[in-house]
Amino acid sequence: MTDRPRPPLTTTTSIWPAAAVLILGVVMLGIFLLINEVSNQGVTTPTTIPVVVGGLATDAAHLLSGCEQPGTPPSNIIPSLVVPAGTTATAAPVLPNDGAGDFDCYRTFVTNVKPSALLGYYSGHLKARGWSLFSTGSSNGAPQELFQKAGNDTFYWVIGITVNSSSAHSSHWTFRVYQNSETI
């Protein structure tokens, strides 16, 4: 028996199954992007300053304006640069690194309240503005509170309130705000 030579069996491989998967993926991506665009409510930030009931009033004078540089601190941090009513500055704002490296600014004040009332003022006002208290008490034992908040510039920001000295009717203290490029 002689077998006649036959051409090999041919199978055609189609690219359409792979293309269908790709097309289906693009269509699904388009649908989800459309759903996201239609249902996106955006992020809104409160434009009013929260009112803390039962604490010290906030001073209308902006005693920490010297700590504001063009674009620094970011816009969601600046509303937290407040001091209680009856506060007097004892020195000019200090920018230790004058713009080199991470932002850092502090200013010393005196307020006619006890340290506990001062720290309570900041605890109430900063927590109402979205700050987290992450440390209390300094290494030398002075009353201190450190608060942290993410700025809209992608950095964490820290506000520190340290009572340097106090008497029966007043507290000498330091307000410090700085950009923290490291994690806490």
N, C-alpha and C. Protein backbone atom coordinates (compact mmCIF):
# COMPACT_ATOMS: atom_id res chain seq x y z
N MET A 1 0.81 -1.14 0.00
CA MET A 1 0.00 0.00 0.00
C MET A 1 0.87 1.23 0.00
N THR A 2 0.55 1.92 -0.88
CA THR A 2 1.27 3.17 -0.97
C THR A 2 0.36 4.30 -0.51
N ASP A 3 0.90 4.98 0.40
CA ASP A 3 0.14 6.15 0.86
C ASP A 3 0.55 7.32 0.01
N ARG A 4 -0.43 7.92 -0.41
CA ARG A 4 -0.12 9.12 -1.18
C ARG A 4 0.27 10.23 -0.24
N PRO A 5 1.27 10.93 -0.57
CA PRO A 5 1.64 12.04 0.31
C PRO A 5 0.53 13.09 0.33
N ARG A 6 0.23 13.48 1.53
CA ARG A 6 -0.80 14.50 1.71
C ARG A 6 -0.17 15.72 2.38
N PRO A 7 -0.73 16.83 2.10
CA PRO A 7 -0.19 18.01 2.78
C PRO A 7 -0.53 17.92 4.28
N PRO A 8 0.29 18.55 5.09
CA PRO A 8 0.02 18.48 6.53
C PRO A 8 -1.31 19.15 6.87
N LEU A 9 -1.90 18.67 7.96
CA LEU A 9 -3.15 19.26 8.40
C LEU A 9 -2.88 20.71 8.82
N THR A 10 -3.73 21.54 8.45
CA THR A 10 -3.53 22.95 8.81
C THR A 10 -4.54 23.34 9.89
N THR A 11 -4.02 24.04 10.83
CA THR A 11 -4.92 24.62 11.83
C THR A 11 -4.62 26.11 11.84
N THR A 12 -5.63 26.84 11.79
CA THR A 12 -5.43 28.28 11.81
C THR A 12 -5.65 28.76 13.24
N THR A 13 -4.72 29.54 13.69
CA THR A 13 -4.84 30.11 15.02
C THR A 13 -5.33 31.53 14.86
N SER A 14 -6.43 31.79 15.52
CA SER A 14 -7.03 33.11 15.42
C SER A 14 -6.57 33.98 16.58
N ILE A 15 -6.40 35.24 16.31
CA ILE A 15 -6.04 36.21 17.35
C ILE A 15 -7.29 36.78 18.02
N TRP A 16 -8.45 36.48 17.49
CA TRP A 16 -9.69 37.06 18.02
C TRP A 16 -10.01 36.68 19.46
N PRO A 17 -9.73 35.49 19.96
CA PRO A 17 -10.00 35.23 21.38
C PRO A 17 -9.17 36.13 22.29
N ALA A 18 -7.91 36.32 21.97
CA ALA A 18 -7.07 37.20 22.78
C ALA A 18 -7.52 38.65 22.64
N ALA A 19 -7.88 39.04 21.43
CA ALA A 19 -8.35 40.41 21.21
C ALA A 19 -9.66 40.64 21.95
N ALA A 20 -10.51 39.63 22.02
CA ALA A 20 -11.78 39.78 22.73
C ALA A 20 -11.55 40.03 24.21
N VAL A 21 -10.57 39.37 24.81
CA VAL A 21 -10.25 39.59 26.22
C VAL A 21 -9.75 41.02 26.40
N LEU A 22 -8.88 41.47 25.52
CA LEU A 22 -8.36 42.83 25.61
C LEU A 22 -9.48 43.85 25.42
N ILE A 23 -10.32 43.65 24.45
CA ILE A 23 -11.44 44.57 24.20
C ILE A 23 -12.38 44.59 25.40
N LEU A 24 -12.67 43.42 25.96
CA LEU A 24 -13.53 43.36 27.13
C LEU A 24 -12.92 44.12 28.30
N GLY A 25 -11.61 44.01 28.50
CA GLY A 25 -10.92 44.74 29.57
C GLY A 25 -11.01 46.24 29.38
N VAL A 26 -10.81 46.70 28.15
CA VAL A 26 -10.89 48.14 27.86
C VAL A 26 -12.31 48.65 28.07
N VAL A 27 -13.30 47.88 27.64
CA VAL A 27 -14.70 48.29 27.82
C VAL A 27 -15.04 48.36 29.31
N MET A 28 -14.61 47.37 30.10
CA MET A 28 -14.89 47.39 31.54
C MET A 28 -14.20 48.57 32.21
N LEU A 29 -12.96 48.84 31.84
CA LEU A 29 -12.25 49.99 32.39
C LEU A 29 -13.00 51.28 32.07
N GLY A 30 -13.47 51.41 30.83
CA GLY A 30 -14.24 52.59 30.44
C GLY A 30 -15.52 52.73 31.25
N ILE A 31 -16.21 51.62 31.48
CA ILE A 31 -17.45 51.65 32.26
C ILE A 31 -17.17 52.09 33.69
N PHE A 32 -16.13 51.53 34.31
CA PHE A 32 -15.83 51.90 35.69
C PHE A 32 -15.33 53.34 35.81
N LEU A 33 -14.58 53.82 34.82
CA LEU A 33 -14.18 55.23 34.82
C LEU A 33 -15.40 56.14 34.71
N LEU A 34 -16.35 55.76 33.88
CA LEU A 34 -17.58 56.53 33.73
C LEU A 34 -18.39 56.53 35.03
N ILE A 35 -18.51 55.37 35.66
CA ILE A 35 -19.23 55.28 36.94
C ILE A 35 -18.54 56.15 37.99
N ASN A 36 -17.22 56.07 38.04
CA ASN A 36 -16.47 56.88 39.00
C ASN A 36 -16.67 58.37 38.75
N GLU A 37 -16.66 58.78 37.50
CA GLU A 37 -16.82 60.20 37.18
C GLU A 37 -18.23 60.69 37.53
N VAL A 38 -19.23 59.87 37.29
CA VAL A 38 -20.61 60.26 37.58
C VAL A 38 -20.87 60.30 39.08
N SER A 39 -20.33 59.35 39.82
CA SER A 39 -20.64 59.27 41.25
C SER A 39 -19.62 59.97 42.14
N ASN A 40 -18.57 60.57 41.58
CA ASN A 40 -17.54 61.23 42.37
C ASN A 40 -18.09 62.49 43.03
N GLN A 41 -18.07 62.51 44.35
CA GLN A 41 -18.55 63.67 45.08
C GLN A 41 -17.41 64.58 45.48
N GLY A 42 -16.18 64.17 45.26
CA GLY A 42 -15.03 64.99 45.60
C GLY A 42 -14.80 65.04 47.10
N VAL A 43 -13.72 65.65 47.47
CA VAL A 43 -13.39 65.81 48.88
C VAL A 43 -13.65 67.26 49.24
N THR A 44 -14.43 67.44 50.26
CA THR A 44 -14.70 68.80 50.72
C THR A 44 -14.05 69.00 52.07
N THR A 45 -13.50 70.17 52.26
CA THR A 45 -12.91 70.50 53.55
C THR A 45 -13.75 71.60 54.18
N PRO A 46 -13.92 71.53 55.47
CA PRO A 46 -14.74 72.55 56.11
C PRO A 46 -14.08 73.92 55.98
N THR A 47 -14.90 74.93 55.71
CA THR A 47 -14.37 76.28 55.57
C THR A 47 -14.59 77.10 56.82
N THR A 48 -15.30 76.54 57.77
CA THR A 48 -15.53 77.27 59.01
C THR A 48 -14.63 76.72 60.10
N ILE A 49 -14.28 77.58 61.03
CA ILE A 49 -13.46 77.17 62.14
C ILE A 49 -14.37 76.53 63.18
N PRO A 50 -14.03 75.35 63.68
CA PRO A 50 -14.88 74.72 64.66
C PRO A 50 -14.94 75.53 65.95
N VAL A 51 -16.08 75.48 66.59
CA VAL A 51 -16.26 76.17 67.86
C VAL A 51 -16.10 75.15 68.98
N VAL A 52 -15.18 75.42 69.88
CA VAL A 52 -14.97 74.55 71.03
C VAL A 52 -15.68 75.21 72.21
N VAL A 53 -16.67 74.53 72.74
CA VAL A 53 -17.48 75.08 73.80
C VAL A 53 -16.83 74.81 75.15
N GLY A 54 -16.84 75.81 76.02
CA GLY A 54 -16.36 75.63 77.38
C GLY A 54 -14.89 75.83 77.59
N GLY A 55 -14.17 76.22 76.57
CA GLY A 55 -12.73 76.43 76.71
C GLY A 55 -12.38 77.90 76.59
N LEU A 56 -11.11 78.16 76.45
CA LEU A 56 -10.63 79.51 76.25
C LEU A 56 -11.02 79.99 74.86
N ALA A 57 -11.24 81.28 74.73
CA ALA A 57 -11.54 81.86 73.42
C ALA A 57 -10.26 81.97 72.61
N THR A 58 -10.40 82.07 71.30
CA THR A 58 -9.26 82.24 70.42
C THR A 58 -9.01 83.72 70.20
N ASP A 59 -7.74 84.11 70.25
CA ASP A 59 -7.35 85.51 70.04
C ASP A 59 -7.57 85.87 68.57
N ALA A 60 -8.17 87.02 68.33
CA ALA A 60 -8.43 87.46 66.97
C ALA A 60 -7.15 87.90 66.26
N ALA A 61 -6.17 88.39 67.01
CA ALA A 61 -4.89 88.79 66.40
C ALA A 61 -4.16 87.56 65.92
N HIS A 62 -3.58 87.65 64.77
CA HIS A 62 -2.88 86.50 64.19
C HIS A 62 -1.41 86.58 64.58
N LEU A 63 -1.09 86.17 65.81
CA LEU A 63 0.25 86.30 66.36
C LEU A 63 1.26 85.34 65.73
N LEU A 64 0.78 84.37 64.96
CA LEU A 64 1.69 83.41 64.34
C LEU A 64 1.84 83.64 62.84
N SER A 65 1.45 84.82 62.37
CA SER A 65 1.55 85.11 60.93
C SER A 65 3.01 85.10 60.47
N GLY A 66 3.96 85.36 61.37
CA GLY A 66 5.37 85.31 61.00
C GLY A 66 5.85 83.92 60.67
N CYS A 67 5.07 82.91 61.01
CA CYS A 67 5.42 81.52 60.69
C CYS A 67 4.86 81.10 59.33
N GLU A 68 4.21 82.02 58.65
CA GLU A 68 3.66 81.70 57.33
C GLU A 68 4.58 82.24 56.25
N GLN A 69 5.04 81.35 55.41
CA GLN A 69 5.86 81.69 54.26
C GLN A 69 5.05 81.36 53.02
N PRO A 70 5.40 81.89 51.86
CA PRO A 70 4.64 81.57 50.65
C PRO A 70 4.56 80.05 50.41
N GLY A 71 3.37 79.50 50.51
CA GLY A 71 3.15 78.08 50.28
C GLY A 71 3.47 77.17 51.45
N THR A 72 3.96 77.72 52.55
CA THR A 72 4.35 76.91 53.70
C THR A 72 3.94 77.62 54.96
N PRO A 73 3.33 76.98 55.89
CA PRO A 73 2.71 75.67 55.85
C PRO A 73 1.58 75.60 54.82
N PRO A 74 1.15 74.40 54.47
CA PRO A 74 0.08 74.27 53.48
C PRO A 74 -1.25 74.82 54.00
N SER A 75 -2.17 74.99 53.09
CA SER A 75 -3.44 75.65 53.40
C SER A 75 -4.28 74.93 54.45
N ASN A 76 -4.13 73.63 54.61
CA ASN A 76 -4.92 72.93 55.63
C ASN A 76 -4.25 72.94 57.00
N ILE A 77 -3.06 73.50 57.11
CA ILE A 77 -2.36 73.60 58.39
C ILE A 77 -2.49 75.02 58.96
N ILE A 78 -2.49 76.02 58.11
CA ILE A 78 -2.52 77.43 58.55
C ILE A 78 -3.68 77.75 59.49
N PRO A 79 -4.91 77.24 59.29
CA PRO A 79 -5.99 77.59 60.22
C PRO A 79 -5.73 77.13 61.65
N SER A 80 -4.77 76.26 61.86
CA SER A 80 -4.47 75.76 63.20
C SER A 80 -3.43 76.61 63.92
N LEU A 81 -2.93 77.64 63.28
CA LEU A 81 -1.94 78.52 63.90
C LEU A 81 -2.69 79.57 64.71
N VAL A 82 -3.21 79.15 65.85
CA VAL A 82 -4.03 80.02 66.70
C VAL A 82 -3.45 80.06 68.11
N VAL A 83 -3.82 81.11 68.83
CA VAL A 83 -3.42 81.24 70.23
C VAL A 83 -4.64 81.63 71.04
N PRO A 84 -4.66 81.30 72.34
CA PRO A 84 -5.81 81.67 73.16
C PRO A 84 -5.87 83.18 73.42
N ALA A 85 -7.07 83.66 73.69
CA ALA A 85 -7.26 85.08 74.00
C ALA A 85 -6.42 85.46 75.21
N GLY A 86 -5.93 86.69 75.20
CA GLY A 86 -5.10 87.17 76.30
C GLY A 86 -3.65 86.79 76.18
N THR A 87 -3.23 86.34 75.02
CA THR A 87 -1.85 85.92 74.80
C THR A 87 -1.02 87.09 74.30
N THR A 88 0.20 87.19 74.82
CA THR A 88 1.13 88.23 74.40
C THR A 88 2.42 87.56 73.94
N ALA A 89 2.94 88.01 72.79
CA ALA A 89 4.20 87.47 72.28
C ALA A 89 5.35 88.04 73.09
N THR A 90 6.32 87.20 73.42
CA THR A 90 7.50 87.66 74.16
C THR A 90 8.73 87.75 73.27
N ALA A 91 8.63 87.26 72.05
CA ALA A 91 9.74 87.33 71.10
C ALA A 91 9.18 87.22 69.69
N ALA A 92 9.98 87.57 68.72
CA ALA A 92 9.59 87.45 67.31
C ALA A 92 9.60 85.98 66.90
N PRO A 93 8.86 85.63 65.84
CA PRO A 93 8.92 84.26 65.34
C PRO A 93 10.34 83.91 64.89
N VAL A 94 10.74 82.68 65.13
CA VAL A 94 12.08 82.21 64.76
C VAL A 94 11.93 81.11 63.73
N LEU A 95 12.63 81.26 62.61
CA LEU A 95 12.71 80.23 61.57
C LEU A 95 14.14 79.71 61.61
N PRO A 96 14.40 78.63 62.37
CA PRO A 96 15.78 78.18 62.61
C PRO A 96 16.60 77.91 61.36
N ASN A 97 16.02 77.34 60.34
CA ASN A 97 16.83 77.00 59.16
C ASN A 97 16.60 77.95 57.99
N ASP A 98 15.82 79.02 58.21
CA ASP A 98 15.58 80.05 57.19
C ASP A 98 15.29 79.49 55.80
N GLY A 99 14.45 78.48 55.73
CA GLY A 99 14.03 77.94 54.45
C GLY A 99 14.90 76.82 53.91
N ALA A 100 15.99 76.50 54.57
CA ALA A 100 16.84 75.40 54.11
C ALA A 100 16.37 74.12 54.77
N GLY A 101 15.96 73.16 53.99
CA GLY A 101 15.48 71.89 54.55
C GLY A 101 14.03 71.97 54.96
N ASP A 102 13.67 71.14 55.92
CA ASP A 102 12.28 71.08 56.38
C ASP A 102 11.90 72.37 57.09
N PHE A 103 10.65 72.79 56.91
CA PHE A 103 10.15 74.01 57.53
C PHE A 103 10.07 73.84 59.04
N ASP A 104 10.45 74.89 59.77
CA ASP A 104 10.40 74.87 61.22
C ASP A 104 10.23 76.32 61.69
N CYS A 105 9.29 76.56 62.58
CA CYS A 105 9.05 77.90 63.10
C CYS A 105 8.55 77.79 64.54
N TYR A 106 9.04 78.68 65.40
CA TYR A 106 8.51 78.73 66.76
C TYR A 106 8.47 80.16 67.25
N ARG A 107 7.61 80.37 68.26
CA ARG A 107 7.48 81.68 68.88
C ARG A 107 7.10 81.49 70.33
N THR A 108 7.63 82.35 71.19
CA THR A 108 7.33 82.25 72.62
C THR A 108 6.27 83.27 73.00
N PHE A 109 5.44 82.87 73.98
CA PHE A 109 4.31 83.67 74.41
C PHE A 109 4.16 83.61 75.92
N VAL A 110 3.31 84.50 76.43
CA VAL A 110 2.86 84.43 77.82
C VAL A 110 1.34 84.61 77.78
N THR A 111 0.65 83.76 78.55
CA THR A 111 -0.81 83.81 78.63
C THR A 111 -1.19 83.73 80.10
N ASN A 112 -2.20 84.48 80.47
CA ASN A 112 -2.64 84.53 81.87
C ASN A 112 -3.58 83.37 82.20
N VAL A 113 -3.10 82.15 82.05
CA VAL A 113 -3.84 80.94 82.41
C VAL A 113 -2.86 79.92 82.96
N LYS A 114 -3.37 78.93 83.62
CA LYS A 114 -2.54 77.84 84.13
C LYS A 114 -2.14 76.93 82.96
N PRO A 115 -1.03 76.19 83.10
CA PRO A 115 -0.61 75.29 82.02
C PRO A 115 -1.68 74.29 81.60
N SER A 116 -2.43 73.78 82.56
CA SER A 116 -3.47 72.79 82.21
C SER A 116 -4.54 73.42 81.31
N ALA A 117 -4.91 74.69 81.56
CA ALA A 117 -5.90 75.36 80.72
C ALA A 117 -5.34 75.62 79.33
N LEU A 118 -4.07 75.98 79.26
CA LEU A 118 -3.42 76.22 77.97
C LEU A 118 -3.37 74.94 77.14
N LEU A 119 -2.90 73.86 77.74
CA LEU A 119 -2.83 72.59 77.02
C LEU A 119 -4.22 72.07 76.68
N GLY A 120 -5.19 72.31 77.56
CA GLY A 120 -6.57 71.92 77.26
C GLY A 120 -7.13 72.69 76.07
N TYR A 121 -6.77 73.97 75.97
CA TYR A 121 -7.19 74.80 74.83
C TYR A 121 -6.70 74.16 73.53
N TYR A 122 -5.41 73.85 73.48
CA TYR A 122 -4.86 73.27 72.25
C TYR A 122 -5.38 71.87 71.99
N SER A 123 -5.56 71.09 73.02
CA SER A 123 -6.10 69.75 72.84
C SER A 123 -7.48 69.82 72.20
N GLY A 124 -8.32 70.70 72.71
CA GLY A 124 -9.68 70.83 72.15
C GLY A 124 -9.69 71.41 70.75
N HIS A 125 -8.96 72.50 70.55
CA HIS A 125 -8.99 73.17 69.25
C HIS A 125 -8.30 72.37 68.15
N LEU A 126 -7.17 71.77 68.44
CA LEU A 126 -6.47 71.04 67.39
C LEU A 126 -7.16 69.72 67.06
N LYS A 127 -7.70 69.04 68.06
CA LYS A 127 -8.44 67.81 67.75
C LYS A 127 -9.67 68.11 66.92
N ALA A 128 -10.32 69.24 67.18
CA ALA A 128 -11.49 69.64 66.39
C ALA A 128 -11.11 69.95 64.94
N ARG A 129 -9.86 70.29 64.71
CA ARG A 129 -9.37 70.59 63.36
C ARG A 129 -8.70 69.39 62.71
N GLY A 130 -8.80 68.22 63.31
CA GLY A 130 -8.29 66.99 62.70
C GLY A 130 -6.88 66.60 63.09
N TRP A 131 -6.31 67.21 64.12
CA TRP A 131 -4.97 66.86 64.57
C TRP A 131 -5.04 65.69 65.54
N SER A 132 -4.00 64.88 65.55
CA SER A 132 -3.90 63.75 66.48
C SER A 132 -2.84 64.05 67.52
N LEU A 133 -3.19 63.88 68.78
CA LEU A 133 -2.24 64.03 69.87
C LEU A 133 -1.40 62.76 69.92
N PHE A 134 -0.07 62.88 69.77
CA PHE A 134 0.76 61.68 69.79
C PHE A 134 1.80 61.67 70.90
N SER A 135 1.95 62.79 71.63
CA SER A 135 2.92 62.79 72.70
C SER A 135 2.55 63.84 73.74
N THR A 136 2.74 63.48 75.01
CA THR A 136 2.53 64.43 76.10
C THR A 136 3.75 64.40 77.00
N GLY A 137 4.15 65.56 77.48
CA GLY A 137 5.31 65.65 78.38
C GLY A 137 6.61 65.62 77.63
N SER A 138 7.51 66.55 77.98
CA SER A 138 8.80 66.61 77.31
C SER A 138 9.83 65.78 78.08
N SER A 139 10.99 65.65 77.50
CA SER A 139 12.05 64.84 78.13
C SER A 139 12.57 65.47 79.42
N ASN A 140 12.41 66.79 79.57
CA ASN A 140 12.86 67.44 80.80
C ASN A 140 11.73 67.58 81.82
N GLY A 141 10.58 67.01 81.54
CA GLY A 141 9.46 67.03 82.48
C GLY A 141 8.53 68.21 82.33
N ALA A 142 8.80 69.13 81.43
CA ALA A 142 7.93 70.29 81.22
C ALA A 142 6.61 69.84 80.58
N PRO A 143 5.51 70.50 80.94
CA PRO A 143 4.23 70.16 80.29
C PRO A 143 4.32 70.43 78.78
N GLN A 144 3.97 69.44 78.01
CA GLN A 144 4.08 69.57 76.55
C GLN A 144 3.07 68.66 75.88
N GLU A 145 2.57 69.11 74.73
CA GLU A 145 1.71 68.27 73.88
C GLU A 145 2.20 68.42 72.45
N LEU A 146 2.28 67.29 71.73
CA LEU A 146 2.66 67.28 70.33
C LEU A 146 1.51 66.69 69.52
N PHE A 147 1.13 67.40 68.48
CA PHE A 147 0.02 67.01 67.61
C PHE A 147 0.56 66.81 66.20
N GLN A 148 -0.06 65.89 65.46
CA GLN A 148 0.37 65.58 64.10
C GLN A 148 -0.83 65.60 63.16
N LYS A 149 -0.59 66.09 61.95
CA LYS A 149 -1.63 66.09 60.92
C LYS A 149 -0.97 66.02 59.55
N ALA A 150 -1.60 65.31 58.63
CA ALA A 150 -1.10 65.24 57.27
C ALA A 150 -1.46 66.53 56.54
N GLY A 151 -0.46 67.16 55.96
CA GLY A 151 -0.70 68.37 55.19
C GLY A 151 -1.09 68.01 53.77
N ASN A 152 -1.73 68.95 53.07
CA ASN A 152 -2.08 68.65 51.69
C ASN A 152 -0.88 68.85 50.75
N ASP A 153 0.32 68.93 51.33
CA ASP A 153 1.57 68.96 50.56
C ASP A 153 2.30 67.63 50.63
N THR A 154 1.65 66.59 51.11
CA THR A 154 2.13 65.21 51.25
C THR A 154 3.07 65.00 52.42
N PHE A 155 3.29 65.99 53.28
CA PHE A 155 4.12 65.83 54.46
C PHE A 155 3.25 65.82 55.70
N TYR A 156 3.77 65.20 56.77
CA TYR A 156 3.13 65.33 58.07
C TYR A 156 3.65 66.61 58.71
N TRP A 157 2.76 67.26 59.46
CA TRP A 157 3.11 68.48 60.16
C TRP A 157 2.89 68.26 61.65
N VAL A 158 3.74 68.87 62.45
CA VAL A 158 3.66 68.72 63.90
C VAL A 158 3.52 70.10 64.52
N ILE A 159 2.60 70.21 65.47
CA ILE A 159 2.48 71.41 66.31
C ILE A 159 2.82 70.97 67.72
N GLY A 160 3.74 71.70 68.33
CA GLY A 160 4.14 71.41 69.70
C GLY A 160 3.88 72.60 70.59
N ILE A 161 3.28 72.36 71.73
CA ILE A 161 3.03 73.38 72.74
C ILE A 161 3.82 72.95 73.97
N THR A 162 4.80 73.77 74.37
CA THR A 162 5.64 73.45 75.52
C THR A 162 5.56 74.60 76.52
N VAL A 163 5.19 74.28 77.75
CA VAL A 163 5.15 75.28 78.81
C VAL A 163 6.56 75.36 79.40
N ASN A 164 7.19 76.53 79.23
CA ASN A 164 8.57 76.72 79.69
C ASN A 164 8.63 77.02 81.18
N SER A 165 7.69 77.84 81.66
CA SER A 165 7.60 78.16 83.09
C SER A 165 6.20 78.66 83.36
N SER A 166 5.81 78.61 84.63
CA SER A 166 4.47 79.09 84.97
C SER A 166 4.47 79.61 86.40
N SER A 167 3.50 80.46 86.66
CA SER A 167 3.25 80.95 88.02
C SER A 167 1.78 80.68 88.31
N ALA A 168 1.30 81.21 89.42
CA ALA A 168 -0.09 80.96 89.79
C ALA A 168 -1.07 81.52 88.77
N HIS A 169 -0.67 82.55 88.02
CA HIS A 169 -1.63 83.21 87.13
C HIS A 169 -1.18 83.31 85.68
N SER A 170 -0.03 82.77 85.32
CA SER A 170 0.41 82.90 83.93
C SER A 170 1.30 81.72 83.53
N SER A 171 1.37 81.53 82.22
CA SER A 171 2.22 80.47 81.65
C SER A 171 3.08 81.08 80.56
N HIS A 172 4.37 80.84 80.61
CA HIS A 172 5.30 81.21 79.54
C HIS A 172 5.48 79.93 78.71
N TRP A 173 5.22 80.04 77.43
CA TRP A 173 5.19 78.83 76.62
C TRP A 173 5.69 79.09 75.20
N THR A 174 5.93 77.99 74.49
CA THR A 174 6.43 78.05 73.11
C THR A 174 5.47 77.29 72.20
N PHE A 175 5.13 77.93 71.09
CA PHE A 175 4.34 77.30 70.02
C PHE A 175 5.33 76.98 68.91
N ARG A 176 5.35 75.73 68.46
CA ARG A 176 6.26 75.32 67.39
C ARG A 176 5.49 74.55 66.34
N VAL A 177 5.71 74.89 65.10
CA VAL A 177 5.12 74.14 63.98
C VAL A 177 6.26 73.76 63.04
N TYR A 178 6.30 72.49 62.67
CA TYR A 178 7.34 72.07 61.74
C TYR A 178 6.87 70.93 60.85
N GLN A 179 7.55 70.84 59.71
CA GLN A 179 7.29 69.82 58.72
C GLN A 179 8.08 68.59 59.12
N ASN A 180 7.39 67.47 59.23
CA ASN A 180 8.06 66.24 59.64
C ASN A 180 8.20 65.34 58.42
N SER A 181 9.41 65.22 57.91
CA SER A 181 9.62 64.38 56.73
C SER A 181 9.87 62.93 57.09
N GLU A 182 9.83 62.63 58.38
CA GLU A 182 9.99 61.25 58.83
C GLU A 182 8.69 60.77 59.45
N THR A 183 8.51 59.48 59.56
CA THR A 183 7.29 58.94 60.14
C THR A 183 7.37 58.93 61.65
N ILE A 184 6.23 58.99 62.26
CA ILE A 184 6.15 58.96 63.74
C ILE A 184 5.55 57.64 64.16
